[in-house]
Amino acid sequence: GAAGFGFGDLDDKTTLSDMQGKYSSVYLRKEFDVKTSQDAENLILAVAYDDGFVAYLNGVEMARANVTKGSGPDAVVAFSREAQEEYQTFSFRNVRDSFRFDAPNVLAIEGHNRSLSSDDFTVDPFIAMLPPKQSEPEKLFPLLFEYVTGLHHEWYYYGSKQDPAEQWMNEDYDVSKWAKGRIGFGFGDGDDVTGLKNMENNFARAYFRTEFHIEKEDDFASLGLAVRYDDAFIAYVNGREVLRVGIDFGRGAGAKGIAGHEADKEKYDFFSLSHARNFLSTDGPNVIAIEGHNDNLESSDFTLDPIVLLNRDQSQPMPERYTELIPKNAEWRYIAKKDGAPAEGWEKPEFKTSGWDKGESGFGYGEEAGARTELNDMKDNYRVVYMRKTFDVDGLKLASKAGLAIRSDDAFIAYLNGKEILRRNVETGRGEKAEKFTGKEKISKDFDYFPLGSLHDAFVDGENVIAIEGHNKDVTSSDFIIDAFLIVKEE
């Protein structure tokens, strides 16, 4: 029969008209093929169910919901539950070793009603492959960050015509009966990871919660939320409101003045939560809760895609003890001339720079610049300088302690092995197309220090390439400096 087994709800694809009063369990099996281990990693099982189920992959239990113990005729169902066309998702990762790649796999599901006399039943499963999530640092702001809740993190969520209790955002509120799903919640855009298909024309808001841990109080001020959203939201940390976007006043059903907003397909907006530091704890789990709102019930789409981060895109004082991975005032390859922008891909490791000039780091001009390589022709002629340097990493453990020391006036963008890792004072664009300069640096003899440990996956064992483009805000500026070296912090 077609998936969608049940009775009593008038929406069943395969109606079990003889089930009520005669049997309380139904058993399903389906073969499916998986070609690679990467495909297996991205698979999910989605199930709408009333009242509970247990699922198996090739004979190994992979998921159960609302069945507290036992299986088959000995299964104990915790409580009566309405499916409401809501699919709950389950990862196969806990049984990844049970997949077969050279023969069909078997998904087996036993669905259970709590009692023989129940007036309805549903078990409606399907297997889906998650769309790839963007994980490149340049898709998020800030560029230097550390995940607290990652790209594959599951949150509890609740969506219904009836709102949850008023205290739903508090730490001690019980969400065990809420559904769980991977971030990327929504409908109507075709890119949702956890679909809220029953939201359209039924309710205009949904609620989301998850726990997170922060080990050091020093990180409280770095807490932030990266989020794609459509249309608006309110965020809470440990029960206190810390952020509202696109909502004038009120909460839940009482929220008013909701502004429309279309979520970007890839770009996340970043909001600092440093002001929530007094609400945080290192002793146990913290709770972030978000209510997402559509501006009207008839909206054709909705998105809430949140990631909790620690912002590492902040300069720090230079460490007291360090070794130089790229020495201060080392020789770099560089281009500094009018109409001299390099070809596309200049920041990538394979790009050839044999025709570039060589000079000691400290590229600039002006009385206060302290330049080692004077660019006396830069003023009134060009405003961007490009520089590259190769260096070796012997063992990737070293990379976790690496950091960039840099002086700049006015702005810069840095790349590691072709990936953008850091930008300062320039919001958008690259090279000659960079724009929206946010400030003018006053030249200092002191270096800003940016730890790169959270980007250790961007390093490779062996030869690496760091590339930096330095920008003057105006071609008529009276000075400029870009001066960098790479260090390894010593404990």
Protein backbone atom coordinates (compact mmCIF):
# COMPACT_ATOMS: atom_id res chain seq x y z
CA GLY A 1 0.00 0.00 0.00
CA ALA A 2 0.96 3.65 -0.41
CA ALA A 3 2.62 5.37 2.54
CA GLY A 4 0.12 7.10 4.79
CA PHE A 5 -1.32 4.13 6.66
CA GLY A 6 -4.13 4.66 9.14
CA PHE A 7 -7.77 5.32 9.83
CA GLY A 8 -10.03 7.94 11.35
CA ASP A 9 -8.41 11.10 9.94
CA LEU A 10 -9.84 11.02 6.41
CA ASP A 11 -6.39 11.78 4.96
CA ASP A 12 -4.93 8.26 4.87
CA LYS A 13 -3.48 6.97 1.60
CA THR A 14 -3.91 3.35 2.68
CA THR A 15 -6.91 3.05 4.98
CA LEU A 16 -6.84 0.36 7.66
CA SER A 17 -10.60 0.24 8.08
CA ASP A 18 -10.55 -2.97 10.18
CA MET A 19 -7.95 -1.79 12.72
CA GLN A 20 -10.12 -0.14 15.39
CA GLY A 21 -11.01 -2.59 18.18
CA LYS A 22 -9.06 -5.46 16.60
CA TYR A 23 -5.34 -4.67 16.60
CA SER A 24 -3.14 -1.79 17.78
CA SER A 25 0.10 -2.40 15.85
CA VAL A 26 1.03 -2.22 12.15
CA TYR A 27 4.27 -3.41 10.55
CA LEU A 28 5.84 -1.88 7.44
CA ARG A 29 8.93 -2.71 5.34
CA LYS A 30 10.54 -0.97 2.39
CA GLU A 31 13.75 -1.56 0.42
CA PHE A 32 15.90 1.36 -0.77
CA ASP A 33 19.35 1.84 -2.28
CA VAL A 34 22.23 4.00 -1.04
CA LYS A 35 25.29 4.42 -3.25
CA THR A 36 27.87 6.13 -1.02
CA SER A 37 28.64 6.76 2.64
CA GLN A 38 28.24 10.52 2.02
CA ASP A 39 24.70 9.92 0.78
CA ALA A 40 24.03 7.91 3.93
CA GLU A 41 25.23 10.81 6.10
CA ASN A 42 22.66 13.13 4.51
CA LEU A 43 19.65 10.83 4.76
CA ILE A 44 16.81 11.44 7.19
CA LEU A 45 13.70 9.50 8.09
CA ALA A 46 10.60 11.70 8.30
CA VAL A 47 7.52 10.27 10.01
CA ALA A 48 4.06 11.57 10.81
CA TYR A 49 2.70 9.29 13.52
CA ASP A 50 -0.19 8.70 15.91
CA ASP A 51 0.55 7.38 18.52
CA GLY A 52 4.12 5.95 18.37
CA PHE A 53 6.61 3.90 16.34
CA VAL A 54 9.93 2.05 16.34
CA ALA A 55 12.12 2.05 13.18
CA TYR A 56 14.91 -0.31 12.13
CA LEU A 57 17.60 -0.17 9.45
CA ASN A 58 18.67 -3.62 8.27
CA GLY A 59 17.48 -5.10 11.56
CA VAL A 60 19.15 -2.49 13.82
CA GLU A 61 16.93 -0.08 15.75
CA MET A 62 17.56 3.49 14.58
CA ALA A 63 14.67 5.53 16.04
CA ARG A 64 11.67 5.35 18.33
CA ALA A 65 9.13 7.96 19.28
CA ASN A 66 6.52 7.87 22.06
CA VAL A 67 7.33 4.20 22.73
CA THR A 68 9.02 4.15 26.12
CA LYS A 69 10.06 0.50 26.10
CA GLY A 70 9.60 -2.79 24.35
CA SER A 71 8.71 -3.57 20.76
CA GLY A 72 6.12 -5.56 18.86
CA PRO A 73 3.31 -6.78 21.13
CA ASP A 74 5.34 -5.71 24.20
CA ALA A 75 5.65 -2.05 23.11
CA VAL A 76 4.55 0.51 25.72
CA VAL A 77 3.15 3.74 24.25
CA ALA A 78 3.56 6.73 26.55
CA PHE A 79 0.53 8.85 25.64
CA SER A 80 -2.05 9.52 22.94
CA ARG A 81 -0.65 11.80 20.23
CA GLU A 82 -2.22 13.48 17.20
CA ALA A 83 -0.17 13.48 13.99
CA GLN A 84 -1.63 16.76 12.62
CA GLU A 85 0.23 16.26 9.30
CA GLU A 86 3.45 17.11 11.15
CA TYR A 87 6.55 15.15 10.19
CA GLN A 88 9.29 14.56 12.75
CA THR A 89 12.76 13.89 11.37
CA PHE A 90 15.34 11.33 12.50
CA SER A 91 18.97 10.97 11.42
CA PHE A 92 20.48 7.67 10.31
CA ARG A 93 23.88 8.60 11.73
CA ASN A 94 23.54 6.42 14.82
CA VAL A 95 23.29 3.36 12.53
CA ARG A 96 25.65 4.52 9.77
CA ASP A 97 27.66 1.28 10.08
CA SER A 98 24.57 -0.76 9.20
CA PHE A 99 24.16 0.62 5.67
CA ARG A 100 24.74 -1.58 2.63
CA PHE A 101 26.18 0.04 -0.48
CA ASP A 102 26.23 -3.03 -2.74
CA ALA A 103 22.74 -4.38 -1.95
CA PRO A 104 19.30 -2.99 -1.04
CA ASN A 105 18.76 -1.67 2.47
CA VAL A 106 15.60 -2.47 4.43
CA LEU A 107 13.69 0.08 6.49
CA ALA A 108 11.22 -1.62 8.85
CA ILE A 109 8.74 0.31 11.00
CA GLU A 110 6.30 -0.85 13.61
CA GLY A 111 3.55 1.68 14.30
CA HIS A 112 1.54 1.53 17.54
CA ASN A 113 -1.77 2.85 18.83
CA ARG A 114 -1.95 3.34 22.58
CA SER A 115 -5.18 1.36 22.82
CA LEU A 116 -7.45 -0.85 20.73
CA SER A 117 -10.31 1.61 21.19
CA SER A 118 -8.44 4.62 19.78
CA ASP A 119 -10.50 6.44 17.15
CA ASP A 120 -7.59 7.11 14.79
CA PHE A 121 -4.10 5.95 13.79
CA THR A 122 -1.34 7.22 11.50
CA VAL A 123 2.08 6.07 10.39
CA ASP A 124 3.32 7.93 7.33
CA PRO A 125 7.08 7.60 6.69
CA PHE A 126 9.40 8.73 3.92
CA ILE A 127 13.17 8.92 3.46
CA ALA A 128 14.73 12.12 2.17
CA MET A 129 18.20 13.42 1.44
CA LEU A 130 18.98 16.73 3.10
CA PRO A 131 20.07 19.57 0.84
CA PRO A 132 23.67 20.57 1.43
CA LYS A 133 24.13 23.31 4.02
CA GLN A 134 26.55 26.11 3.22
CA SER A 135 29.50 25.84 5.57
CA GLU A 136 32.03 28.19 4.03
CA PRO A 137 33.08 30.92 6.46
CA GLU A 138 32.35 33.62 3.88
CA LYS A 139 28.64 32.73 4.06
CA LEU A 140 28.47 33.92 7.64
CA PHE A 141 29.24 37.17 9.38
CA PRO A 142 31.45 37.40 11.36
CA LEU A 143 33.98 35.53 9.26
CA LEU A 144 35.99 34.28 12.22
CA PHE A 145 33.67 32.30 14.44
CA GLU A 146 33.29 29.15 16.46
CA TYR A 147 30.10 27.09 16.36
CA VAL A 148 28.12 26.68 19.56
CA THR A 149 25.22 25.02 17.77
CA GLY A 150 26.35 23.82 14.35
CA LEU A 151 25.01 23.45 10.84
CA HIS A 152 23.51 20.03 11.57
CA HIS A 153 22.15 20.88 15.01
CA GLU A 154 18.64 19.73 15.93
CA TRP A 155 16.23 22.02 17.80
CA TYR A 156 12.93 21.30 19.48
CA TYR A 157 10.10 23.04 17.65
CA TYR A 158 6.36 23.59 18.03
CA GLY A 159 3.85 24.82 15.48
CA SER A 160 0.10 24.78 15.93
CA LYS A 161 -2.99 26.98 15.87
CA GLN A 162 -2.75 26.85 19.66
CA ASP A 163 0.29 28.60 21.16
CA PRO A 164 2.41 26.94 23.87
CA ALA A 165 2.19 28.00 27.51
CA GLU A 166 3.34 31.53 28.33
CA GLN A 167 6.49 30.20 30.05
CA TRP A 168 7.64 28.22 26.96
CA MET A 169 10.96 30.08 26.78
CA ASN A 170 12.03 29.36 30.40
CA GLU A 171 14.85 26.93 31.19
CA ASP A 172 12.65 24.51 33.14
CA TYR A 173 9.82 24.33 30.59
CA ASP A 174 9.23 20.74 29.41
CA VAL A 175 9.58 20.41 25.62
CA SER A 176 9.90 16.62 25.55
CA LYS A 177 6.64 16.36 23.59
CA TRP A 178 7.74 18.90 20.98
CA ALA A 179 9.05 17.67 17.64
CA LYS A 180 12.78 17.82 16.82
CA GLY A 181 14.32 18.83 13.53
CA ARG A 182 17.50 20.09 11.94
CA ILE A 183 17.90 23.84 11.44
CA GLY A 184 16.52 25.29 8.28
CA PHE A 185 12.86 25.37 9.35
CA GLY A 186 10.16 26.64 7.05
CA PHE A 187 7.98 26.14 3.99
CA GLY A 188 7.50 27.53 0.51
CA ASP A 189 11.09 28.27 -0.53
CA GLY A 190 12.24 24.83 -1.65
CA ASP A 191 15.38 25.02 0.51
CA ASP A 192 13.93 24.06 3.89
CA VAL A 193 15.63 21.23 5.76
CA THR A 194 12.82 20.69 8.27
CA GLY A 195 9.54 21.44 6.52
CA LEU A 196 6.62 23.01 8.36
CA LYS A 197 4.13 22.04 5.69
CA ASN A 198 1.09 22.43 7.95
CA MET A 199 1.95 26.07 8.75
CA GLU A 200 0.66 27.64 5.54
CA ASN A 201 -2.80 29.17 6.05
CA ASN A 202 -3.06 27.52 9.50
CA PHE A 203 -0.83 29.51 11.86
CA ALA A 204 1.53 32.45 11.50
CA ARG A 205 4.20 31.67 14.10
CA ALA A 206 6.30 28.77 15.34
CA TYR A 207 8.48 28.22 18.40
CA PHE A 208 12.03 26.81 18.64
CA ARG A 209 14.37 25.86 21.52
CA THR A 210 17.71 24.23 22.10
CA GLU A 211 20.36 23.96 24.80
CA PHE A 212 23.96 25.08 24.47
CA HIS A 213 27.06 25.14 26.66
CA ILE A 214 29.73 27.79 27.18
CA GLU A 215 32.75 26.66 29.14
CA LYS A 216 34.49 29.98 29.85
CA GLU A 217 33.04 33.23 31.20
CA ASP A 218 35.45 35.10 28.92
CA ASP A 219 33.35 33.87 25.98
CA PHE A 220 30.07 35.36 27.24
CA ALA A 221 30.78 38.66 25.49
CA SER A 222 31.43 36.82 22.20
CA LEU A 223 28.02 35.14 22.00
CA GLY A 224 26.03 35.85 18.85
CA LEU A 225 23.20 34.58 16.70
CA ALA A 226 23.53 34.06 12.94
CA VAL A 227 20.10 33.63 11.40
CA ARG A 228 18.22 33.52 8.13
CA TYR A 229 14.64 34.58 8.77
CA ASP A 230 11.33 35.35 7.07
CA ASP A 231 9.59 37.44 8.34
CA ALA A 232 10.49 38.32 11.96
CA PHE A 233 11.54 36.82 15.30
CA ILE A 234 12.10 37.30 19.02
CA ALA A 235 14.97 35.50 20.79
CA TYR A 236 15.33 34.63 24.48
CA VAL A 237 18.29 33.36 26.49
CA ASN A 238 17.46 31.49 29.69
CA GLY A 239 13.97 32.95 29.68
CA ARG A 240 14.94 36.61 29.13
CA GLU A 241 14.25 38.44 25.89
CA VAL A 242 17.57 39.43 24.29
CA LEU A 243 16.66 40.28 20.70
CA ARG A 244 13.67 41.18 18.54
CA VAL A 245 13.80 41.83 14.82
CA GLY A 246 10.87 43.07 12.74
CA ILE A 247 8.33 43.13 15.62
CA ASP A 248 7.31 46.42 17.24
CA PHE A 249 5.86 45.08 20.49
CA GLY A 250 4.14 42.09 22.07
CA ARG A 251 4.93 38.38 22.02
CA GLY A 252 3.33 35.25 20.64
CA ALA A 253 -0.27 35.87 19.56
CA GLY A 254 0.03 39.42 20.92
CA ALA A 255 2.96 40.41 18.65
CA LYS A 256 2.15 43.58 16.67
CA GLY A 257 3.81 45.60 13.94
CA ILE A 258 5.38 42.64 12.15
CA ALA A 259 7.47 43.70 9.16
CA GLY A 260 7.92 41.57 6.04
CA HIS A 261 11.43 40.27 5.33
CA GLU A 262 12.68 37.83 2.70
CA ALA A 263 15.41 35.41 3.81
CA ASP A 264 18.54 35.28 1.68
CA LYS A 265 19.19 31.80 0.27
CA GLU A 266 22.73 31.71 1.68
CA LYS A 267 23.62 34.80 3.68
CA TYR A 268 23.00 34.84 7.43
CA ASP A 269 22.45 38.04 9.38
CA PHE A 270 24.56 38.22 12.53
CA PHE A 271 23.36 39.71 15.83
CA SER A 272 25.58 40.10 18.86
CA LEU A 273 24.18 38.69 22.10
CA SER A 274 27.00 40.05 24.25
CA HIS A 275 24.42 42.01 26.27
CA ALA A 276 23.03 38.64 27.47
CA ARG A 277 26.24 37.76 29.33
CA ASN A 278 24.64 38.38 32.73
CA PHE A 279 22.05 35.69 31.98
CA LEU A 280 24.56 32.97 31.01
CA SER A 281 26.09 30.15 33.02
CA THR A 282 29.14 27.91 32.71
CA ASP A 283 27.74 25.39 35.21
CA GLY A 284 25.16 23.73 32.99
CA PRO A 285 23.14 24.05 29.81
CA ASN A 286 21.84 27.41 28.68
CA VAL A 287 18.62 27.65 26.68
CA ILE A 288 18.05 29.76 23.59
CA ALA A 289 14.43 30.06 22.50
CA ILE A 290 13.12 31.79 19.38
CA GLU A 291 9.61 32.58 18.23
CA GLY A 292 9.47 33.05 14.46
CA HIS A 293 6.63 35.05 12.89
CA ASN A 294 5.09 35.42 9.47
CA ASP A 295 3.60 38.83 8.89
CA ASN A 296 0.27 37.28 7.89
CA LEU A 297 -1.51 33.94 7.87
CA GLU A 298 -1.66 33.79 4.06
CA SER A 299 2.10 34.21 3.56
CA SER A 300 3.50 31.89 0.91
CA ASP A 301 6.74 31.11 2.79
CA PHE A 302 8.48 31.10 6.17
CA THR A 303 12.10 30.64 7.24
CA LEU A 304 13.87 30.32 10.59
CA ASP A 305 17.44 29.05 10.28
CA PRO A 306 19.43 29.90 13.45
CA ILE A 307 23.02 29.18 14.49
CA VAL A 308 24.52 30.17 17.85
CA LEU A 309 28.13 31.33 17.49
CA LEU A 310 31.07 32.69 19.39
CA ASN A 311 32.35 35.74 17.53
CA ARG A 312 36.10 35.35 16.96
CA ASP A 313 36.18 38.25 14.49
CA GLN A 314 37.61 40.55 17.13
CA SER A 315 41.17 41.69 17.57
CA GLN A 316 42.95 40.86 20.80
CA PRO A 317 46.15 42.05 22.43
CA MET A 318 49.28 40.39 21.10
CA PRO A 319 50.20 37.27 23.10
CA GLU A 320 53.11 37.68 25.47
CA ARG A 321 54.82 34.56 24.12
CA TYR A 322 54.75 33.33 20.55
CA THR A 323 56.88 31.95 17.74
CA GLU A 324 56.77 33.38 14.23
CA LEU A 325 55.31 31.18 11.52
CA ILE A 326 55.80 33.98 8.97
CA PRO A 327 58.40 36.36 10.41
CA LYS A 328 57.75 40.03 10.96
CA ASN A 329 59.00 42.06 7.97
CA ALA A 330 59.33 38.86 5.91
CA GLU A 331 59.52 39.10 2.14
CA TRP A 332 56.14 38.77 0.38
CA ARG A 333 55.06 38.75 -3.25
CA TYR A 334 52.93 41.83 -3.99
CA ILE A 335 51.22 43.94 -6.66
CA ALA A 336 50.93 47.69 -6.10
CA LYS A 337 50.26 49.74 -9.20
CA LYS A 338 47.57 51.60 -11.14
CA ASP A 339 45.30 49.27 -13.15
CA GLY A 340 47.29 46.40 -11.68
CA ALA A 341 44.58 44.20 -10.20
CA PRO A 342 45.55 40.53 -10.51
CA ALA A 343 43.47 37.97 -12.36
CA GLU A 344 40.52 36.28 -10.67
CA GLY A 345 41.62 33.54 -8.30
CA TRP A 346 44.78 35.35 -7.24
CA GLU A 347 44.22 34.28 -3.62
CA LYS A 348 44.13 30.55 -4.41
CA PRO A 349 47.16 28.34 -3.69
CA GLU A 350 47.61 27.24 -7.31
CA PHE A 351 47.83 30.80 -8.66
CA LYS A 352 51.25 31.67 -10.12
CA THR A 353 52.92 34.82 -8.80
CA SER A 354 56.34 34.58 -10.46
CA GLY A 355 55.76 37.94 -12.19
CA TRP A 356 54.83 39.78 -8.98
CA ASP A 357 57.23 42.12 -7.17
CA LYS A 358 58.95 41.16 -3.91
CA GLY A 359 59.16 43.34 -0.83
CA GLU A 360 59.33 43.29 2.95
CA SER A 361 56.00 43.43 4.75
CA GLY A 362 55.05 46.88 5.84
CA PHE A 363 53.71 48.16 2.48
CA GLY A 364 52.62 51.78 2.53
CA TYR A 365 53.38 55.48 2.54
CA GLY A 366 52.99 58.49 4.79
CA GLU A 367 55.00 59.91 7.68
CA GLU A 368 53.35 57.76 10.36
CA ALA A 369 53.11 54.53 8.34
CA GLY A 370 56.48 53.08 9.26
CA ALA A 371 56.56 51.27 5.90
CA ARG A 372 59.39 48.87 5.04
CA THR A 373 58.39 48.83 1.36
CA GLU A 374 57.56 52.41 0.37
CA LEU A 375 54.72 52.88 -2.15
CA ASN A 376 55.53 56.43 -3.16
CA ASP A 377 53.35 56.30 -6.29
CA MET A 378 50.17 55.09 -4.55
CA LYS A 379 48.61 58.43 -3.56
CA ASP A 380 46.23 59.71 -6.28
CA ASN A 381 46.88 56.60 -8.43
CA TYR A 382 45.52 53.43 -6.79
CA ARG A 383 44.02 52.35 -3.48
CA VAL A 384 44.42 48.54 -3.35
CA VAL A 385 47.57 46.49 -2.67
CA TYR A 386 47.69 42.68 -3.05
CA MET A 387 50.17 40.51 -1.15
CA ARG A 388 50.78 36.74 -0.82
CA LYS A 389 53.05 34.49 1.20
CA THR A 390 53.57 30.71 1.40
CA PHE A 391 54.39 29.04 4.71
CA ASP A 392 54.67 25.50 6.02
CA VAL A 393 52.63 23.84 8.77
CA ASP A 394 54.21 20.75 10.27
CA GLY A 395 51.28 19.02 11.95
CA LEU A 396 47.78 20.47 12.10
CA LYS A 397 47.81 20.73 15.91
CA LEU A 398 50.00 23.76 15.33
CA ALA A 399 47.23 25.41 13.33
CA SER A 400 44.89 25.50 16.33
CA LYS A 401 47.25 28.01 17.99
CA ALA A 402 47.94 30.15 14.91
CA GLY A 403 47.03 33.81 14.66
CA LEU A 404 47.40 36.79 12.33
CA ALA A 405 49.17 39.93 13.54
CA ILE A 406 48.37 42.91 11.34
CA ARG A 407 48.51 46.71 11.07
CA SER A 408 46.21 48.28 8.49
CA ASP A 409 44.98 51.64 7.26
CA ASP A 410 42.18 51.76 6.14
CA ALA A 411 40.86 48.21 5.51
CA PHE A 412 41.84 44.70 4.48
CA ILE A 413 40.53 41.28 3.46
CA ALA A 414 42.55 38.14 4.28
CA TYR A 415 42.42 34.68 2.70
CA LEU A 416 43.82 31.33 3.77
CA ASN A 417 44.34 28.72 1.05
CA GLY A 418 41.81 30.52 -1.13
CA LYS A 419 39.12 30.93 1.55
CA GLU A 420 38.21 34.35 2.88
CA ILE A 421 38.83 34.31 6.63
CA LEU A 422 38.76 37.91 7.80
CA ARG A 423 37.83 41.41 6.68
CA ARG A 424 38.15 44.71 8.45
CA ASN A 425 36.36 48.01 7.67
CA VAL A 426 34.95 46.88 4.31
CA GLU A 427 31.50 45.31 4.19
CA THR A 428 31.07 44.02 0.65
CA GLY A 429 32.98 43.16 -2.51
CA ARG A 430 36.59 42.33 -3.14
CA GLY A 431 39.51 43.91 -4.95
CA GLU A 432 38.58 46.95 -7.03
CA LYS A 433 34.88 46.20 -6.39
CA ALA A 434 35.15 46.42 -2.61
CA GLU A 435 32.78 49.01 -1.15
CA LYS A 436 30.97 50.20 1.95
CA PHE A 437 34.05 51.15 3.91
CA THR A 438 32.99 51.46 7.53
CA GLY A 439 35.77 53.54 9.03
CA LYS A 440 39.22 54.97 8.69
CA GLU A 441 41.96 53.47 10.80
CA LYS A 442 44.45 55.73 12.49
CA ILE A 443 47.89 54.32 11.78
CA SER A 444 49.41 52.70 14.83
CA LYS A 445 52.75 51.06 15.48
CA ASP A 446 50.89 48.32 17.38
CA PHE A 447 49.61 45.16 15.72
CA ASP A 448 46.08 43.80 16.07
CA TYR A 449 45.99 40.06 16.76
CA PHE A 450 43.33 37.70 15.36
CA PRO A 451 43.39 34.07 16.59
CA LEU A 452 42.81 31.64 13.71
CA GLY A 453 42.39 28.50 15.80
CA SER A 454 38.69 28.19 14.97
CA LEU A 455 39.71 27.91 11.29
CA HIS A 456 42.13 25.03 11.81
CA ASP A 457 40.27 23.01 9.16
CA ALA A 458 41.30 25.61 6.56
CA PHE A 459 44.99 24.83 7.12
CA VAL A 460 46.70 21.91 5.39
CA ASP A 461 49.65 19.84 6.53
CA GLY A 462 52.55 21.17 4.47
CA GLU A 463 52.54 24.28 2.29
CA ASN A 464 49.83 26.89 2.88
CA VAL A 465 49.15 30.28 1.31
CA ILE A 466 47.95 33.44 3.03
CA ALA A 467 46.82 36.31 0.81
CA ILE A 468 45.81 39.82 1.86
CA GLU A 469 44.36 42.77 -0.02
CA GLY A 470 44.90 46.12 1.69
CA HIS A 471 42.56 49.03 0.92
CA ASN A 472 42.68 52.77 1.20
CA LYS A 473 39.21 54.27 1.52
CA ASP A 474 40.11 57.11 -0.85
CA VAL A 475 42.75 57.32 -3.55
CA THR A 476 43.64 60.79 -2.25
CA SER A 477 44.38 59.57 1.30
CA SER A 478 47.51 61.00 2.91
CA ASP A 479 48.72 57.62 4.18
CA PHE A 480 48.38 53.83 3.94
CA ILE A 481 49.81 50.71 5.58
CA ILE A 482 49.34 46.97 5.34
CA ASP A 483 51.79 45.03 7.50
CA ALA A 484 51.27 41.42 8.56
CA PHE A 485 52.95 38.39 10.03
CA LEU A 486 51.75 34.99 11.27
CA ILE A 487 52.44 33.59 14.72
CA VAL A 488 51.84 30.52 16.88
CA LYS A 489 50.80 31.33 20.41
CA GLU A 490 52.79 29.65 23.18
CA GLU A 491 51.03 28.51 26.34
